C-alpha atoms as a PDB file:
ATOM      1  CA  GLY A   1    -213.999-219.494 156.962  1.00  0.00           C
ATOM      2  CA  GLY A   2    -211.090-219.305 157.488  1.00  0.00           C
ATOM      3  CA  LYS A   3    -210.873-217.976 162.022  1.00  0.00           C
ATOM      4  CA  SER A   4    -208.966-221.256 163.100  1.00  0.00           C
ATOM      5  CA  PRO A   5    -205.459-219.203 164.035  1.00  0.00           C
ATOM      6  CA  ASN A   6    -202.232-220.792 163.276  1.00  0.00           C
ATOM      7  CA  ILE A   7    -200.316-220.944 166.066  1.00  0.00           C
ATOM      8  CA  ILE A   8    -196.504-220.731 166.606  1.00  0.00           C
ATOM      9  CA  PHE A   9    -194.998-221.463 169.833  1.00  0.00           C
ATOM     10  CA  ALA A  10    -190.985-220.888 170.538  1.00  0.00           C
ATOM     11  CA  ASP A  11    -190.260-224.963 170.426  1.00  0.00           C
ATOM     12  CA  ALA A  12    -190.935-224.574 166.878  1.00  0.00           C
ATOM     13  CA  ASP A  13    -189.021-224.202 163.418  1.00  0.00           C
ATOM     14  CA  VAL A  14    -190.074-220.911 163.695  1.00  0.00           C
ATOM     15  CA  GLU A  15    -188.553-220.234 160.068  1.00  0.00           C
ATOM     16  CA  THR A  16    -190.794-222.914 158.466  1.00  0.00           C
ATOM     17  CA  ALA A  17    -193.654-222.109 161.014  1.00  0.00           C
ATOM     18  CA  ALA A  18    -193.362-218.550 159.899  1.00  0.00           C
ATOM     19  CA  LYS A  19    -193.307-219.533 156.191  1.00  0.00           C
ATOM     20  CA  PHE A  20    -196.438-222.008 156.462  1.00  0.00           C
ATOM     21  CA  ALA A  21    -198.412-219.494 158.456  1.00  0.00           C
ATOM     22  CA  TYR A  22    -197.926-217.006 155.324  1.00  0.00           C
ATOM     23  CA  PHE A  23    -198.803-219.439 153.011  1.00  0.00           C
ATOM     24  CA  ALA A  24    -202.036-220.128 154.935  1.00  0.00           C
ATOM     25  CA  LEU A  25    -203.190-216.789 154.954  1.00  0.00           C
ATOM     26  CA  PHE A  26    -202.528-215.322 151.335  1.00  0.00           C
ATOM     27  CA  PHE A  27    -202.341-218.439 149.239  1.00  0.00           C
ATOM     28  CA  ASN A  28    -205.092-218.374 146.288  1.00  0.00           C
ATOM     29  CA  MET A  29    -205.470-214.911 147.191  1.00  0.00           C
ATOM     30  CA  GLY A  30    -207.356-214.898 150.308  1.00  0.00           C
ATOM     31  CA  GLN A  31    -210.086-216.355 148.589  1.00  0.00           C
ATOM     32  CA  CYS A  32    -210.672-219.443 149.976  1.00  0.00           C
ATOM     33  CA  CYS A  33    -212.514-220.209 153.445  1.00  0.00           C
ATOM     34  CA  CYS A  34    -209.951-221.904 154.769  1.00  0.00           C
ATOM     35  CA  ALA A  35    -207.859-218.725 155.183  1.00  0.00           C
ATOM     36  CA  GLY A  36    -205.114-218.309 157.805  1.00  0.00           C
ATOM     37  CA  SER A  37    -206.621-215.435 158.445  1.00  0.00           C
ATOM     38  CA  ARG A  38    -205.067-215.372 162.269  1.00  0.00           C
ATOM     39  CA  LEU A  39    -201.428-215.912 163.343  1.00  0.00           C
ATOM     40  CA  PHE A  40    -201.025-216.852 167.229  1.00  0.00           C
ATOM     41  CA  VAL A  41    -196.820-216.496 168.285  1.00  0.00           C
ATOM     42  CA  GLU A  42    -195.307-216.929 171.474  1.00  0.00           C
ATOM     43  CA  ASP A  43    -193.498-213.439 172.859  1.00  0.00           C
ATOM     44  CA  LYS A  44    -190.343-215.245 173.140  1.00  0.00           C
ATOM     45  CA  VAL A  45    -190.735-215.443 168.492  1.00  0.00           C
ATOM     46  CA  TYR A  46    -192.762-212.772 167.947  1.00  0.00           C
ATOM     47  CA  ASP A  47    -190.001-210.319 166.441  1.00  0.00           C
ATOM     48  CA  GLN A  48    -188.385-213.355 164.237  1.00  0.00           C
ATOM     49  CA  VAL A  49    -191.864-214.490 163.403  1.00  0.00           C
ATOM     50  CA  LEU A  50    -192.873-210.870 162.209  1.00  0.00           C
ATOM     51  CA  ASN A  51    -189.196-210.602 160.544  1.00  0.00           C
ATOM     52  CA  ILE A  52    -189.740-213.563 158.120  1.00  0.00           C
ATOM     53  CA  ILE A  53    -193.928-213.062 157.087  1.00  0.00           C
ATOM     54  CA  THR A  54    -192.797-208.857 156.902  1.00  0.00           C
ATOM     55  CA  GLU A  55    -189.770-210.270 154.405  1.00  0.00           C
ATOM     56  CA  ARG A  56    -191.690-212.568 152.590  1.00  0.00           C
ATOM     57  CA  ALA A  57    -194.827-210.218 152.012  1.00  0.00           C
ATOM     58  CA  LYS A  58    -192.209-207.222 150.803  1.00  0.00           C
ATOM     59  CA  LYS A  59    -191.040-210.203 147.823  1.00  0.00           C
ATOM     60  CA  GLN A  60    -194.234-210.305 146.676  1.00  0.00           C
ATOM     61  CA  LYS A  61    -195.286-209.902 143.124  1.00  0.00           C
ATOM     62  CA  ILE A  62    -198.452-207.810 142.723  1.00  0.00           C
ATOM     63  CA  GLY A  63    -199.825-208.389 139.361  1.00  0.00           C
ATOM     64  CA  ASP A  64    -202.415-210.417 136.697  1.00  0.00           C
ATOM     65  CA  PRO A  65    -201.565-214.029 139.034  1.00  0.00           C
ATOM     66  CA  SER A  66    -202.344-215.614 135.793  1.00  0.00           C
ATOM     67  CA  THR A  67    -198.414-214.561 134.882  1.00  0.00           C
ATOM     68  CA  THR A  68    -195.550-215.712 136.018  1.00  0.00           C
ATOM     69  CA  PRO A  69    -193.983-215.267 138.763  1.00  0.00           C
ATOM     70  CA  LEU A  70    -196.866-213.025 139.817  1.00  0.00           C
ATOM     71  CA  ARG A  71    -198.778-214.471 142.857  1.00  0.00           C
ATOM     72  CA  ARG A  72    -200.995-211.442 144.108  1.00  0.00           C
ATOM     73  CA  GLY A  73    -203.470-209.350 142.366  1.00  0.00           C
ATOM     74  CA  ARG A  74    -207.520-209.252 141.267  1.00  0.00           C
ATOM     75  CA  ARG A  75    -209.731-211.478 141.978  1.00  0.00           C
ATOM     76  CA  SER A  76    -208.727-215.228 141.028  1.00  0.00           C
ATOM     77  CA  ARG A  77    -212.927-216.331 139.711  1.00  0.00           C
ATOM     78  CA  ARG A  78    -214.920-214.199 137.319  1.00  0.00           C
ATOM     79  CA  SER A  79    -217.823-215.239 140.253  1.00  0.00           C
ATOM     80  CA  SER A  80    -215.981-213.274 143.281  1.00  0.00           C
ATOM     81  CA  ALA A  81    -214.610-210.245 140.961  1.00  0.00           C
ATOM     82  CA  LYS A  82    -218.651-209.978 139.937  1.00  0.00           C
ATOM     83  CA  ARG A  83    -219.944-209.867 143.174  1.00  0.00           C
ATOM     84  CA  SER A  84    -217.212-208.033 144.336  1.00  0.00           C
ATOM     85  CA  CYS A  85    -218.322-205.554 142.485  1.00  0.00           C
ATOM     86  CA  ALA A  86    -221.952-205.577 142.623  1.00  0.00           C
ATOM     87  CA  ILE A  87    -221.150-204.886 146.248  1.00  0.00           C
ATOM     88  CA  SER A  88    -218.961-201.942 146.057  1.00  0.00           C
ATOM     89  CA  PRO A  89    -221.557-199.523 145.628  1.00  0.00           C
ATOM     90  CA  GLN A  90    -223.505-200.543 148.617  1.00  0.00           C
ATOM     91  CA  ALA A  91    -220.439-200.535 150.578  1.00  0.00           C
ATOM     92  CA  LYS A  92    -220.052-197.013 149.493  1.00  0.00           C
ATOM     93  CA  ARG A  93    -223.835-195.967 150.041  1.00  0.00           C
ATOM     94  CA  ARG A  94    -223.322-196.550 153.771  1.00  0.00           C
ATOM     95  CA  GLY A  95    -219.911-194.960 154.094  1.00  0.00           C
ATOM     96  CA  ARG A  96    -217.412-197.454 153.918  1.00  0.00           C
ATOM     97  CA  VAL A  97    -214.124-196.825 152.136  1.00  0.00           C
ATOM     98  CA  VAL A  98    -213.656-199.256 149.355  1.00  0.00           C
END
């Protein structure tokens, strides 16, 4: 899931479109099968969109997402964290960087 791209054309409200594209990927710490993990941007507004999204990312506070105003952090569901911990050793044995 989550492979449906967001598309931003030059005639869009670029500020609003970039904010929603950022939200589409990062809400729920990206643990959603509907996460907008691809973004296509028309060349004319590419730099503008990149700047908007980059500035939003720089302002994000990372830590325990259950405390306010932090928004990004560890896995939000215990079952997801448990599954990640279980597959990490397998990935390391296969030479992956974890």
